[in-house]
Amino acid sequence: MKAGTAHFVIAGDWLTDTCRRLWSEEDRPEAALKILMEGLPGITEAQAVSICEGRFKLTSDSWSRAGRSPTGPRRRLDTRPGS
């Protein structure tokens, strides 16, 4: 590890829970959407809203996906009922 470099992992479950809390409990939907849409390049507003409303959830984490694929980082949306 080089000096001045920070390494961390973002878990999909944690990000899902955080955005849902902002969306519903803290009445800060703009903050929830901003986190998802700026933090996950390529996600649509409809997908972000679906995560916040409980229809989708993020799975996996940034460590297991970042740079580990020839196509680059990936994320999964779980659309099973009750997610």
N, C-alpha and C. Protein backbone atom coordinates (compact mmCIF):
# COMPACT_ATOMS: atom_id res chain seq x y z
N MET A 1 0.84 -1.17 0.00
CA MET A 1 0.00 0.00 0.00
C MET A 1 0.89 1.23 0.00
N LYS A 2 0.67 2.12 -0.94
CA LYS A 2 1.44 3.34 -1.04
C LYS A 2 0.95 4.36 -0.03
N ALA A 3 1.87 5.17 0.46
CA ALA A 3 1.49 6.24 1.38
C ALA A 3 0.52 7.19 0.70
N GLY A 4 -0.48 7.62 1.42
CA GLY A 4 -1.46 8.55 0.87
C GLY A 4 -2.59 7.89 0.10
N THR A 5 -2.61 6.57 0.06
CA THR A 5 -3.65 5.85 -0.66
C THR A 5 -4.60 5.22 0.34
N ALA A 6 -5.88 5.43 0.14
CA ALA A 6 -6.88 4.80 0.99
C ALA A 6 -7.62 3.74 0.20
N HIS A 7 -7.81 2.61 0.80
CA HIS A 7 -8.55 1.52 0.18
C HIS A 7 -9.78 1.23 1.03
N PHE A 8 -10.92 1.06 0.39
CA PHE A 8 -12.13 0.75 1.12
C PHE A 8 -13.07 -0.03 0.22
N VAL A 9 -14.04 -0.65 0.84
CA VAL A 9 -15.01 -1.48 0.13
C VAL A 9 -16.40 -0.92 0.40
N ILE A 10 -17.20 -0.79 -0.64
CA ILE A 10 -18.59 -0.40 -0.50
C ILE A 10 -19.44 -1.64 -0.76
N ALA A 11 -20.18 -2.05 0.25
CA ALA A 11 -21.05 -3.23 0.12
C ALA A 11 -22.40 -2.82 -0.46
N GLY A 12 -22.89 -3.60 -1.39
CA GLY A 12 -24.17 -3.30 -2.03
C GLY A 12 -25.32 -3.22 -1.05
N ASP A 13 -25.36 -4.14 -0.08
CA ASP A 13 -26.43 -4.11 0.92
C ASP A 13 -26.39 -2.82 1.73
N TRP A 14 -25.19 -2.39 2.11
CA TRP A 14 -25.05 -1.15 2.88
C TRP A 14 -25.53 0.05 2.07
N LEU A 15 -25.10 0.13 0.80
CA LEU A 15 -25.50 1.25 -0.04
C LEU A 15 -27.01 1.25 -0.26
N THR A 16 -27.59 0.09 -0.47
CA THR A 16 -29.04 -0.02 -0.62
C THR A 16 -29.75 0.49 0.63
N ASP A 17 -29.33 0.01 1.80
CA ASP A 17 -29.96 0.42 3.06
C ASP A 17 -29.81 1.91 3.31
N THR A 18 -28.63 2.45 3.04
CA THR A 18 -28.39 3.88 3.26
C THR A 18 -29.30 4.73 2.38
N CYS A 19 -29.40 4.39 1.11
CA CYS A 19 -30.23 5.17 0.19
C CYS A 19 -31.71 5.04 0.53
N ARG A 20 -32.13 3.86 0.94
CA ARG A 20 -33.54 3.68 1.34
C ARG A 20 -33.87 4.50 2.59
N ARG A 21 -32.92 4.55 3.52
CA ARG A 21 -33.14 5.35 4.73
C ARG A 21 -33.25 6.83 4.38
N LEU A 22 -32.36 7.32 3.52
CA LEU A 22 -32.44 8.72 3.09
C LEU A 22 -33.76 8.99 2.38
N TRP A 23 -34.18 8.07 1.54
CA TRP A 23 -35.38 8.22 0.72
C TRP A 23 -36.64 8.32 1.58
N SER A 24 -36.77 7.39 2.54
CA SER A 24 -38.04 7.31 3.25
C SER A 24 -37.99 7.86 4.68
N GLU A 25 -37.04 7.44 5.46
CA GLU A 25 -37.02 7.82 6.87
C GLU A 25 -36.56 9.26 7.08
N GLU A 26 -35.58 9.71 6.30
CA GLU A 26 -35.04 11.05 6.49
C GLU A 26 -35.63 12.07 5.51
N ASP A 27 -36.53 11.62 4.65
CA ASP A 27 -37.19 12.50 3.68
C ASP A 27 -36.18 13.33 2.88
N ARG A 28 -35.13 12.63 2.39
CA ARG A 28 -34.09 13.28 1.58
C ARG A 28 -33.92 12.52 0.27
N PRO A 29 -34.97 12.43 -0.54
CA PRO A 29 -34.89 11.65 -1.77
C PRO A 29 -33.83 12.16 -2.74
N GLU A 30 -33.61 13.46 -2.78
CA GLU A 30 -32.59 14.01 -3.70
C GLU A 30 -31.20 13.49 -3.33
N ALA A 31 -30.93 13.40 -2.03
CA ALA A 31 -29.62 12.90 -1.58
C ALA A 31 -29.45 11.43 -1.97
N ALA A 32 -30.50 10.63 -1.79
CA ALA A 32 -30.42 9.21 -2.14
C ALA A 32 -30.15 9.03 -3.64
N LEU A 33 -30.89 9.77 -4.46
CA LEU A 33 -30.69 9.66 -5.91
C LEU A 33 -29.31 10.14 -6.33
N LYS A 34 -28.83 11.20 -5.71
CA LYS A 34 -27.50 11.73 -6.05
C LYS A 34 -26.42 10.71 -5.75
N ILE A 35 -26.50 10.07 -4.59
CA ILE A 35 -25.51 9.05 -4.22
C ILE A 35 -25.50 7.94 -5.26
N LEU A 36 -26.66 7.45 -5.63
CA LEU A 36 -26.73 6.34 -6.58
C LEU A 36 -26.31 6.75 -7.98
N MET A 37 -26.81 7.87 -8.45
CA MET A 37 -26.58 8.25 -9.85
C MET A 37 -25.16 8.78 -10.09
N GLU A 38 -24.57 9.42 -9.09
CA GLU A 38 -23.19 9.89 -9.25
C GLU A 38 -22.18 8.83 -8.88
N GLY A 39 -22.57 7.91 -8.01
CA GLY A 39 -21.63 6.88 -7.56
C GLY A 39 -21.61 5.63 -8.42
N LEU A 40 -22.64 5.44 -9.21
CA LEU A 40 -22.74 4.25 -10.05
C LEU A 40 -22.95 4.68 -11.51
N PRO A 41 -21.87 4.96 -12.21
CA PRO A 41 -22.00 5.41 -13.60
C PRO A 41 -22.84 4.45 -14.43
N GLY A 42 -23.76 4.99 -15.19
CA GLY A 42 -24.59 4.18 -16.07
C GLY A 42 -25.94 3.79 -15.48
N ILE A 43 -26.13 3.99 -14.18
CA ILE A 43 -27.42 3.65 -13.59
C ILE A 43 -28.45 4.69 -14.05
N THR A 44 -29.65 4.23 -14.32
CA THR A 44 -30.69 5.16 -14.75
C THR A 44 -31.44 5.70 -13.53
N GLU A 45 -32.15 6.80 -13.74
CA GLU A 45 -32.94 7.35 -12.64
C GLU A 45 -34.03 6.36 -12.23
N ALA A 46 -34.62 5.68 -13.21
CA ALA A 46 -35.65 4.69 -12.90
C ALA A 46 -35.09 3.56 -12.03
N GLN A 47 -33.87 3.11 -12.31
CA GLN A 47 -33.25 2.07 -11.49
C GLN A 47 -32.97 2.59 -10.08
N ALA A 48 -32.48 3.83 -9.99
CA ALA A 48 -32.19 4.42 -8.68
C ALA A 48 -33.46 4.53 -7.85
N VAL A 49 -34.54 4.97 -8.46
CA VAL A 49 -35.82 5.08 -7.75
C VAL A 49 -36.29 3.69 -7.31
N SER A 50 -36.13 2.70 -8.17
CA SER A 50 -36.53 1.34 -7.82
C SER A 50 -35.74 0.79 -6.64
N ILE A 51 -34.48 1.14 -6.54
CA ILE A 51 -33.67 0.74 -5.39
C ILE A 51 -34.22 1.40 -4.13
N CYS A 52 -34.45 2.70 -4.21
CA CYS A 52 -34.93 3.45 -3.04
C CYS A 52 -36.31 3.01 -2.59
N GLU A 53 -37.15 2.60 -3.52
CA GLU A 53 -38.51 2.18 -3.18
C GLU A 53 -38.60 0.70 -2.81
N GLY A 54 -37.49 -0.01 -2.90
CA GLY A 54 -37.47 -1.40 -2.45
C GLY A 54 -37.74 -2.45 -3.50
N ARG A 55 -37.85 -2.07 -4.77
CA ARG A 55 -38.10 -3.06 -5.83
C ARG A 55 -36.81 -3.74 -6.29
N PHE A 56 -35.69 -3.03 -6.23
CA PHE A 56 -34.37 -3.58 -6.58
C PHE A 56 -33.48 -3.42 -5.37
N LYS A 57 -32.38 -4.18 -5.35
CA LYS A 57 -31.33 -3.94 -4.36
C LYS A 57 -29.98 -4.18 -5.03
N LEU A 58 -28.97 -3.52 -4.51
CA LEU A 58 -27.62 -3.73 -5.00
C LEU A 58 -27.04 -4.92 -4.26
N THR A 59 -26.29 -5.76 -4.96
CA THR A 59 -25.65 -6.91 -4.35
C THR A 59 -24.17 -6.87 -4.67
N SER A 60 -23.41 -7.66 -3.97
CA SER A 60 -21.97 -7.75 -4.13
C SER A 60 -21.31 -6.53 -3.48
N ASP A 61 -20.06 -6.28 -3.83
CA ASP A 61 -19.36 -5.13 -3.26
C ASP A 61 -18.32 -4.61 -4.25
N SER A 62 -17.77 -3.45 -3.93
CA SER A 62 -16.83 -2.80 -4.84
C SER A 62 -15.50 -3.53 -4.91
N TRP A 63 -15.13 -4.27 -3.88
CA TRP A 63 -13.84 -4.97 -3.89
C TRP A 63 -13.87 -6.16 -4.84
N SER A 64 -14.91 -6.95 -4.78
CA SER A 64 -14.96 -8.16 -5.59
C SER A 64 -15.17 -7.86 -7.06
N ARG A 65 -15.64 -6.68 -7.40
CA ARG A 65 -15.94 -6.35 -8.79
C ARG A 65 -14.94 -5.37 -9.41
N ALA A 66 -14.39 -4.48 -8.64
CA ALA A 66 -13.55 -3.41 -9.20
C ALA A 66 -12.31 -3.98 -9.88
N GLY A 67 -12.20 -3.74 -11.16
CA GLY A 67 -11.01 -4.13 -11.90
C GLY A 67 -10.81 -5.62 -12.04
N ARG A 68 -11.76 -6.42 -11.70
CA ARG A 68 -11.59 -7.87 -11.75
C ARG A 68 -12.22 -8.49 -13.00
N SER A 69 -12.66 -7.64 -13.92
CA SER A 69 -13.35 -8.13 -15.09
C SER A 69 -12.78 -7.46 -16.33
N PRO A 70 -12.69 -8.18 -17.44
CA PRO A 70 -12.20 -7.54 -18.67
C PRO A 70 -13.10 -6.40 -19.14
N THR A 71 -14.35 -6.41 -18.70
CA THR A 71 -15.26 -5.33 -19.10
C THR A 71 -15.33 -4.22 -18.06
N GLY A 72 -14.55 -4.32 -17.00
CA GLY A 72 -14.52 -3.28 -15.99
C GLY A 72 -15.44 -3.58 -14.82
N PRO A 73 -15.59 -2.61 -13.92
CA PRO A 73 -16.42 -2.81 -12.74
C PRO A 73 -17.87 -3.13 -13.12
N ARG A 74 -18.51 -3.97 -12.31
CA ARG A 74 -19.89 -4.35 -12.56
C ARG A 74 -20.69 -4.20 -11.28
N ARG A 75 -21.96 -4.06 -11.43
CA ARG A 75 -22.86 -4.10 -10.29
C ARG A 75 -24.06 -4.93 -10.70
N ARG A 76 -24.77 -5.45 -9.73
CA ARG A 76 -25.96 -6.25 -10.03
C ARG A 76 -27.15 -5.65 -9.34
N LEU A 77 -28.25 -5.66 -10.02
CA LEU A 77 -29.52 -5.28 -9.42
C LEU A 77 -30.32 -6.56 -9.22
N ASP A 78 -30.75 -6.80 -8.01
CA ASP A 78 -31.54 -7.97 -7.71
C ASP A 78 -33.02 -7.56 -7.78
N THR A 79 -33.74 -8.15 -8.70
CA THR A 79 -35.13 -7.76 -8.91
C THR A 79 -36.13 -8.81 -8.42
N ARG A 80 -35.67 -9.73 -7.63
CA ARG A 80 -36.58 -10.74 -7.11
C ARG A 80 -37.57 -10.09 -6.14
N PRO A 81 -38.81 -10.54 -6.11
CA PRO A 81 -39.79 -9.99 -5.16
C PRO A 81 -39.26 -10.10 -3.72
N GLY A 82 -39.52 -9.07 -2.96
CA GLY A 82 -39.10 -9.05 -1.57
C GLY A 82 -37.66 -8.64 -1.38
N SER A 83 -37.03 -8.12 -2.41
CA SER A 83 -35.63 -7.71 -2.31
C SER A 83 -35.56 -6.58 -1.36
